[in-house]
């Protein structure tokens, strides 16, 4: 396993790429594309459940538990990121995601914190979080000023091996219309600092304030990609190419395409299934590219509008059907999800991943996305502390590929010693959507 690390930049202002040197074709075993995952987490106080403003000791302990550089600091002091290795199949990916979550949770516990899998902090101090003391982070703060405030946001990044630069650019073109749906499926941040934001992914809204945090443009070639990136750096919208924060992009340091659109997901099996779905989407794109099929040239403004709709509503309503042929119209979100499954099912079956992805989507359909499940917990208990408890990564988390249990009614996670008295602010009364729906196969309008 090769892990490249130490290159600053990216989602948490530091690129810790999960996928390193890979073989020809970035394939392994029976021909599957390699895959790697990075996950960002909030640290919270086990008594108040509020986000803490320090990660002191967590990374050092994680180095001992997980191996050097596999749990790293992020921009804000109260965040950590897990950096997975190269995986060739679902079994390896499941083991890696689970191992790193356990190690990070144990390191957080030994430092007196909870490790929380949520795109934004449900509870915490509304003031700007202090940043990790590095020269780069201070330069970012100087250049982007108050954009750094409220950047304690947590995403899941998936790397899929695509070593050819021209193919990587074309894969980005094929994936960009699907990024709003991927965001809707993974939305996991409805609450932020004591209130219901009315959005399924408030992380996406906060993150979208950065000048390059958007769906990528349609790229004609690898040379065109380089020219666009150079222009963004020259404009000051990015300090360097690593700060071009597109929702999907070719990696500049390893032979992968990086899909950066998702909130961090609640459970290890959520992460595994999502990453396998993304790998199937990349594999399908490569097949179409090699057949000479062009990607649909969706207008940037339309794609950004679709991303906004996905961040607001998740899977609860309708999304612009930007990936589908014909004029753009809104369709039920689950109609679009069905279209995605139909598109990638051949590659999912070939890799042995179809059942894992199907079970995950069925759970989302029956019990809601992370955002909907958070709101369900709050409706039942009227306490954001309980919401945080359901998102705290247990010390003995395991990914259960055959599990169809209701995540809202799972046993209390094992964080070590139990939290203290319940207290802290609750959210303003929210009317957030509930995305527990069924597939709607009615004709789009």
Foldseek 3Di string as FASTA:
>chain_A
DDWDADAAFALLRGDGAAEADADPQCADDPGFWKKWKKWKWFKAAQAARATDQAPPQLLVQLCVQPNHPQWADGFTRGMIMGRHHIDHALVVLQVRLQSSLLSSLVSSVVVRIFTFQAQARQAYDQWFRHTDDDPSSVVCCVLVPCLSGRSSGMWMKMWTFAQDLFLLLQLLLQCLLVLLLLALQQQAYQHHHFAGPLWSHVSLVSQVVQPQAAADANAPGSVSVVVVLVVCCVVSSAVHSSHNNHQWAQDPRHRTIMHTRHRRAQASLLSSLSNLLVSLSSVLSSVCVVVVHGADRQDRVLSRVQNVVSRNARQAAWGFLRRDDDDTFIDRSLLSVVVSCVSRVVVCVVSVNNLLNVLSVVLCQAQNHNSLLLVVLCVVPVANSVSRQLRGRASNGHHDSPDSDRSSPDPGGHSDDHHHDHDDHHHDDDDHGHNNHDRDNDDTD
